[in-house]
Amino acid sequence: MISTLVYRDHKLAGHNPPLESLAALRQEAGVMLWIDLSQPTPEEVTRILETLFAFHPLTIEDCVSDSPLPKLEDYGDYLYLVAHAIAYAPETRFTTTELDLFLGPNYLVTYHRLPLKAVSAVLERNLRAAQTPVRGPDRIAHGLLDALVEGCKPALAALRAEVDGVEEGVLRNISAAELFPRVVALRKDLSRLRQLVRPQREVVLELSNGKTKLIRPLLLPYLRDVGDDLVRIETQAGSWAEQLILSFRIYLNKSGYEANQGIKVITGITALTIPPLVVGGWFGMNFERMHELHAGYGYPIALALTGVSMLGMLLFMRKKRWI
């Protein structure tokens, strides 16, 4: 599907004119075009990219095939830019949708094989603000890049919720069998997010360095702001990854402390059994000339000795705070 916005003297003058008129509109002074190709057919690709604009064959080849990394190439009379929209869901984890942009002096051509919320949002916003001046295609390109970054916020919120869930699990004594896979999966997701954001940040910062005449100087601060947002996302992902490791270490220390406390209690109980064992072992030897066995008060003495010894052992351990 092809969607076209026609700007004349910086104001919206038409929406989806006949495709036959695009060649004439492109040559008309004071006219700017934004042509969006969403899930286009091969015929539409040929008609727009090859016939109407005659873009370099390599850029068209890159455009119609998946590009794993963002890129920026300057062809003199136009810029070719590849960006990615990032989406996240707990079931499918991270998915990306490629957006290709051809930025010329009086036109912007966008191409994407799947529907993109960012593109739809910018299209609708420009249609609603028909009377708002748009003084160059670089302004629309900035709006699209900014919308792509804004589209990362739901993914960040979902990741933040999962990180918080791990921290709450640590406090709730979650089992190691449940905690460890969650920590590993989340760290993989955060690493994947950084891998997606870092090259896109570099492309945006390169675009904002002011070396191309197709980006007006007044837009450079806005593009740097988009780059700063990508830096924040990457930094946040890194801090969350470290936070997960810290939470896991806290869990291990907590588990170790609880295990040590249990061992101390068991050791204390074992120590309390030493006096009965010693006394019982002594009186249970049954030697022939063992006078204690024939004394009428031997049993009370043994019982009292056992009780006093256990009480002394208990007071000693309490004083040492072993139990």
Protein backbone atom coordinates (compact mmCIF):
# COMPACT_ATOMS: atom_id res chain seq x y z
CA MET A 1 0.00 0.00 0.00
CA ILE A 2 1.25 3.48 -0.88
CA SER A 3 0.39 6.52 1.21
CA THR A 4 1.44 9.95 0.00
CA LEU A 5 1.41 13.37 1.63
CA VAL A 6 1.92 16.38 -0.64
CA TYR A 7 3.20 19.61 0.89
CA ARG A 8 3.12 22.84 -1.07
CA ASP A 9 4.87 25.87 0.42
CA HIS A 10 5.44 23.87 3.63
CA LYS A 11 1.73 23.13 4.22
CA LEU A 12 -0.21 19.97 3.56
CA ALA A 13 -1.86 20.32 0.16
CA GLY A 14 -2.90 16.78 -0.72
CA HIS A 15 -3.26 13.23 0.48
CA ASN A 16 -2.85 10.18 -1.74
CA PRO A 17 -2.90 11.88 -5.17
CA PRO A 18 -2.95 9.61 -8.25
CA LEU A 19 0.34 7.81 -8.70
CA GLU A 20 0.52 9.14 -12.25
CA SER A 21 0.87 12.69 -10.88
CA LEU A 22 3.84 11.98 -8.60
CA ALA A 23 6.46 12.54 -11.29
CA ALA A 24 5.05 15.98 -12.08
CA LEU A 25 4.67 16.87 -8.39
CA ARG A 26 8.26 15.92 -7.72
CA GLN A 27 9.45 18.41 -10.33
CA GLU A 28 7.15 21.21 -9.16
CA ALA A 29 8.83 24.04 -7.26
CA GLY A 30 7.82 24.43 -3.63
CA VAL A 31 6.44 20.86 -3.40
CA MET A 32 7.61 18.28 -0.89
CA LEU A 33 6.53 14.63 -0.93
CA TRP A 34 6.35 11.95 1.71
CA ILE A 35 5.67 8.58 0.12
CA ASP A 36 5.23 5.64 2.47
CA LEU A 37 5.34 2.10 1.12
CA SER A 38 3.75 -0.29 3.60
CA GLN A 39 3.80 -3.96 2.61
CA PRO A 40 4.24 -2.93 -1.04
CA THR A 41 3.93 -5.23 -3.99
CA PRO A 42 6.96 -5.78 -6.27
CA GLU A 43 5.24 -3.61 -8.88
CA GLU A 44 4.89 -0.74 -6.40
CA VAL A 45 8.54 -1.09 -5.40
CA THR A 46 9.62 -0.92 -9.02
CA ARG A 47 7.34 2.00 -9.79
CA ILE A 48 8.41 4.18 -6.85
CA LEU A 49 11.97 3.23 -5.99
CA GLU A 50 13.31 2.38 -9.45
CA THR A 51 11.24 4.39 -11.92
CA LEU A 52 10.13 7.50 -10.05
CA PHE A 53 13.24 8.14 -7.93
CA ALA A 54 15.86 5.94 -9.60
CA PHE A 55 17.60 5.09 -6.35
CA HIS A 56 20.87 3.20 -6.44
CA PRO A 57 20.31 -0.53 -7.10
CA LEU A 58 22.26 -1.48 -3.97
CA THR A 59 20.00 0.61 -1.75
CA ILE A 60 16.91 -0.94 -3.34
CA GLU A 61 18.41 -4.39 -2.82
CA ASP A 62 19.11 -3.58 0.84
CA CYS A 63 15.65 -2.12 1.18
CA VAL A 64 13.71 -5.15 -0.04
CA SER A 65 15.83 -7.61 1.97
CA ASP A 66 16.24 -7.74 5.74
CA SER A 67 19.14 -5.72 7.10
CA PRO A 68 20.22 -6.99 10.54
CA LEU A 69 21.88 -3.72 11.54
CA PRO A 70 20.94 -0.04 11.20
CA LYS A 71 22.96 1.90 8.65
CA LEU A 72 23.40 5.35 7.18
CA GLU A 73 24.73 5.92 3.66
CA ASP A 74 25.16 9.25 1.91
CA TYR A 75 24.62 9.13 -1.87
CA GLY A 76 25.10 12.86 -2.34
CA ASP A 77 21.62 13.84 -3.46
CA TYR A 78 19.88 11.63 -0.90
CA LEU A 79 20.51 9.75 2.34
CA TYR A 80 19.67 6.10 2.81
CA LEU A 81 18.86 5.21 6.41
CA VAL A 82 17.92 1.88 7.98
CA ALA A 83 16.32 1.90 11.43
CA HIS A 84 14.45 -0.70 13.46
CA ALA A 85 11.31 -0.59 15.54
CA ILE A 86 11.69 -2.66 18.71
CA ALA A 87 8.83 -4.60 20.28
CA TYR A 88 8.84 -6.90 23.32
CA ALA A 89 6.48 -9.54 24.66
CA PRO A 90 7.14 -12.19 27.35
CA GLU A 91 6.11 -14.94 24.93
CA THR A 92 8.10 -13.92 21.84
CA ARG A 93 10.74 -11.79 23.60
CA PHE A 94 12.26 -9.15 21.28
CA THR A 95 11.13 -8.64 17.70
CA THR A 96 12.23 -5.92 15.29
CA THR A 97 10.65 -4.39 12.22
CA GLU A 98 12.87 -2.65 9.69
CA LEU A 99 12.13 0.87 8.47
CA ASP A 100 14.03 2.16 5.44
CA LEU A 101 14.17 5.89 4.72
CA PHE A 102 15.30 7.70 1.58
CA LEU A 103 15.78 11.36 2.49
CA GLY A 104 16.19 13.84 -0.36
CA PRO A 105 16.07 17.64 -0.58
CA ASN A 106 12.31 17.75 -1.19
CA TYR A 107 11.09 14.24 -0.54
CA LEU A 108 11.06 11.41 1.95
CA VAL A 109 10.36 7.83 0.93
CA THR A 110 9.77 5.24 3.66
CA TYR A 111 9.55 1.49 3.21
CA HIS A 112 8.52 -1.24 5.65
CA ARG A 113 7.38 -4.80 5.03
CA LEU A 114 5.13 -4.90 8.11
CA PRO A 115 2.78 -2.26 9.55
CA LEU A 116 4.52 0.10 11.94
CA LYS A 117 2.74 2.00 14.70
CA ALA A 118 5.40 4.71 14.58
CA VAL A 119 4.77 5.44 10.89
CA SER A 120 0.98 5.30 11.31
CA ALA A 121 1.17 7.68 14.27
CA VAL A 122 3.28 10.23 12.38
CA LEU A 123 1.02 9.99 9.33
CA GLU A 124 -2.09 10.59 11.42
CA ARG A 125 -0.43 13.44 13.32
CA ASN A 126 0.58 15.18 10.10
CA LEU A 127 -2.92 14.75 8.66
CA ARG A 128 -4.52 16.19 11.80
CA ALA A 129 -2.08 19.13 11.88
CA ALA A 130 -2.67 20.03 8.22
CA GLN A 131 -2.12 23.74 8.84
CA THR A 132 1.12 23.28 10.74
CA PRO A 133 4.11 24.13 8.51
CA VAL A 134 6.54 21.31 7.74
CA ARG A 135 9.62 22.99 6.33
CA GLY A 136 11.57 19.97 5.19
CA PRO A 137 11.57 16.19 4.87
CA ASP A 138 14.21 16.05 7.58
CA ARG A 139 11.52 17.18 10.05
CA ILE A 140 9.36 14.17 9.14
CA ALA A 141 12.40 11.88 9.30
CA HIS A 142 13.15 13.16 12.81
CA GLY A 143 9.53 12.56 13.80
CA LEU A 144 9.75 8.96 12.60
CA LEU A 145 13.01 8.28 14.44
CA ASP A 146 11.61 9.85 17.59
CA ALA A 147 8.47 7.72 17.29
CA LEU A 148 10.60 4.58 16.94
CA VAL A 149 12.38 5.44 20.18
CA GLU A 150 9.07 6.21 21.90
CA GLY A 151 7.90 2.79 20.76
CA CYS A 152 10.59 1.23 22.95
CA LYS A 153 8.88 2.46 26.13
CA PRO A 154 6.40 -0.44 26.41
CA ALA A 155 9.32 -2.86 26.07
CA LEU A 156 11.20 -1.00 28.81
CA ALA A 157 8.12 -1.02 31.07
CA ALA A 158 7.71 -4.78 30.56
CA LEU A 159 11.38 -5.41 31.35
CA ARG A 160 11.20 -3.16 34.40
CA ALA A 161 8.20 -5.15 35.66
CA GLU A 162 10.09 -8.42 35.20
CA VAL A 163 13.16 -7.09 37.02
CA ASP A 164 10.92 -5.92 39.89
CA GLY A 165 9.29 -9.35 39.90
CA VAL A 166 12.69 -11.00 40.39
CA GLU A 167 13.48 -8.65 43.29
CA GLU A 168 10.14 -9.40 44.94
CA GLY A 169 10.76 -13.12 44.43
CA VAL A 170 14.08 -12.82 46.26
CA LEU A 171 12.30 -11.27 49.23
CA ARG A 172 9.54 -13.92 49.11
CA ASN A 173 12.05 -16.79 49.25
CA ILE A 174 11.40 -17.91 45.68
CA SER A 175 12.94 -21.28 44.87
CA ALA A 176 16.29 -21.41 43.09
CA ALA A 177 14.74 -23.63 40.39
CA GLU A 178 12.38 -20.78 39.51
CA LEU A 179 14.69 -17.83 40.11
CA PHE A 180 17.75 -18.92 38.14
CA PRO A 181 16.01 -19.42 34.75
CA ARG A 182 14.24 -16.05 35.14
CA VAL A 183 17.51 -14.24 35.85
CA VAL A 184 19.28 -15.91 32.90
CA ALA A 185 16.39 -15.16 30.50
CA LEU A 186 16.13 -11.54 31.62
CA ARG A 187 19.86 -10.93 31.27
CA LYS A 188 19.68 -12.34 27.75
CA ASP A 189 16.81 -9.98 26.96
CA LEU A 190 18.67 -6.98 28.35
CA SER A 191 21.78 -7.91 26.39
CA ARG A 192 19.65 -8.26 23.25
CA LEU A 193 18.13 -4.82 23.86
CA ARG A 194 21.57 -3.25 24.15
CA GLN A 195 22.67 -4.99 20.94
CA LEU A 196 19.64 -3.52 19.15
CA VAL A 197 19.96 0.00 20.56
CA ARG A 198 23.71 0.55 20.34
CA PRO A 199 24.11 0.56 16.52
CA GLN A 200 20.92 2.58 16.14
CA ARG A 201 22.30 5.15 18.57
CA GLU A 202 25.51 5.38 16.55
CA VAL A 203 23.53 5.97 13.34
CA VAL A 204 21.44 8.73 14.91
CA LEU A 205 24.51 10.43 16.38
CA GLU A 206 26.24 10.26 13.01
CA LEU A 207 23.13 11.78 11.44
CA SER A 208 23.26 14.62 13.98
CA ASN A 209 26.90 15.56 13.45
CA GLY A 210 25.95 18.16 10.82
CA LYS A 211 28.10 16.73 8.01
CA THR A 212 25.26 16.34 5.50
CA LYS A 213 23.52 19.23 3.78
CA LEU A 214 20.23 17.31 3.77
CA ILE A 215 19.80 17.84 7.53
CA ARG A 216 19.21 21.45 8.45
CA PRO A 217 21.26 22.81 11.39
CA LEU A 218 18.14 23.68 13.40
CA LEU A 219 17.23 19.96 13.53
CA LEU A 220 20.59 18.78 14.84
CA PRO A 221 19.73 19.36 18.54
CA TYR A 222 16.52 17.37 18.09
CA LEU A 223 18.41 14.47 16.54
CA ARG A 224 20.97 14.61 19.34
CA ASP A 225 18.08 14.38 21.79
CA VAL A 226 16.91 11.20 20.04
CA GLY A 227 20.47 9.87 20.35
CA ASP A 228 20.48 10.76 24.05
CA ASP A 229 17.24 8.81 24.52
CA LEU A 230 18.89 5.77 22.93
CA VAL A 231 21.91 6.21 25.21
CA ARG A 232 19.57 6.29 28.21
CA ILE A 233 17.87 3.09 27.07
CA GLU A 234 21.20 1.33 26.65
CA THR A 235 22.47 2.58 30.01
CA GLN A 236 19.23 1.58 31.72
CA ALA A 237 19.42 -1.91 30.25
CA GLY A 238 22.99 -2.24 31.53
CA SER A 239 22.04 -1.06 35.03
CA TRP A 240 19.11 -3.49 35.16
CA ALA A 241 21.44 -6.34 34.18
CA GLU A 242 23.75 -5.42 37.06
CA GLN A 243 20.73 -5.11 39.35
CA LEU A 244 19.72 -8.66 38.46
CA ILE A 245 23.17 -9.95 39.37
CA LEU A 246 23.00 -8.04 42.66
CA SER A 247 19.56 -9.51 43.41
CA PHE A 248 20.85 -13.00 42.67
CA ARG A 249 23.85 -12.48 44.95
CA ILE A 250 21.54 -11.25 47.70
CA TYR A 251 19.47 -14.40 47.19
CA LEU A 252 22.55 -16.61 47.47
CA ASN A 253 23.77 -14.78 50.59
CA LYS A 254 20.31 -14.97 52.11
CA SER A 255 20.05 -18.67 51.34
CA GLY A 256 23.54 -19.25 52.74
CA TYR A 257 22.68 -17.32 55.91
CA GLU A 258 19.45 -19.24 56.41
CA ALA A 259 21.29 -22.52 55.85
CA ASN A 260 23.96 -21.50 58.37
CA GLN A 261 21.28 -20.62 60.91
CA GLY A 262 19.73 -24.03 60.46
CA ILE A 263 23.10 -25.72 60.82
CA LYS A 264 23.78 -23.73 64.01
CA VAL A 265 20.47 -24.86 65.52
CA ILE A 266 21.12 -28.49 64.58
CA THR A 267 24.67 -28.23 65.96
CA GLY A 268 23.32 -26.74 69.18
CA ILE A 269 20.79 -29.54 69.57
CA THR A 270 23.55 -32.05 68.91
CA ALA A 271 25.76 -30.39 71.55
CA LEU A 272 22.93 -30.60 74.11
CA THR A 273 22.87 -34.37 73.69
CA ILE A 274 26.53 -34.73 74.70
CA PRO A 275 25.89 -34.71 78.52
CA PRO A 276 23.24 -37.48 78.36
CA LEU A 277 25.57 -39.52 76.12
CA VAL A 278 28.53 -39.12 78.51
CA VAL A 279 26.52 -39.86 81.66
CA GLY A 280 24.56 -42.67 80.03
CA GLY A 281 27.73 -44.13 78.59
CA TRP A 282 29.42 -44.10 81.99
CA PHE A 283 26.55 -45.70 83.85
CA GLY A 284 25.88 -48.12 81.03
CA MET A 285 29.28 -49.81 81.09
CA ASN A 286 28.06 -52.43 83.62
CA PHE A 287 31.45 -53.19 85.18
CA GLU A 288 31.28 -55.84 87.88
CA ARG A 289 32.70 -53.64 90.64
CA MET A 290 31.04 -50.39 89.65
CA HIS A 291 29.71 -49.09 92.99
CA GLU A 292 27.44 -46.48 91.32
CA LEU A 293 25.24 -49.23 89.94
CA HIS A 294 24.52 -50.68 93.40
CA ALA A 295 23.91 -47.40 95.22
CA GLY A 296 20.28 -46.69 96.01
CA TYR A 297 20.65 -43.07 94.99
CA GLY A 298 22.65 -43.73 91.82
CA TYR A 299 19.74 -43.07 89.43
CA PRO A 300 18.81 -39.65 90.94
CA ILE A 301 22.47 -38.68 90.87
CA ALA A 302 22.77 -39.64 87.21
CA LEU A 303 19.56 -37.83 86.37
CA ALA A 304 20.61 -34.69 88.25
CA LEU A 305 24.08 -34.78 86.69
CA THR A 306 22.54 -35.08 83.23
CA GLY A 307 20.15 -32.16 83.80
CA VAL A 308 22.83 -29.88 85.30
CA SER A 309 25.23 -30.67 82.46
CA MET A 310 22.61 -29.95 79.79
CA LEU A 311 21.62 -26.69 81.52
CA GLY A 312 25.25 -25.62 81.73
CA MET A 313 25.79 -26.45 78.06
CA LEU A 314 22.67 -24.48 77.12
CA LEU A 315 23.73 -21.41 79.13
CA PHE A 316 27.23 -21.55 77.60
CA MET A 317 25.87 -21.65 74.04
CA ARG A 318 23.40 -18.81 74.76
CA LYS A 319 26.24 -16.71 76.14
CA LYS A 320 28.24 -17.32 72.95
CA ARG A 321 25.08 -16.61 70.91
CA TRP A 322 25.38 -19.87 69.10
CA ILE A 323 21.67 -20.49 69.51
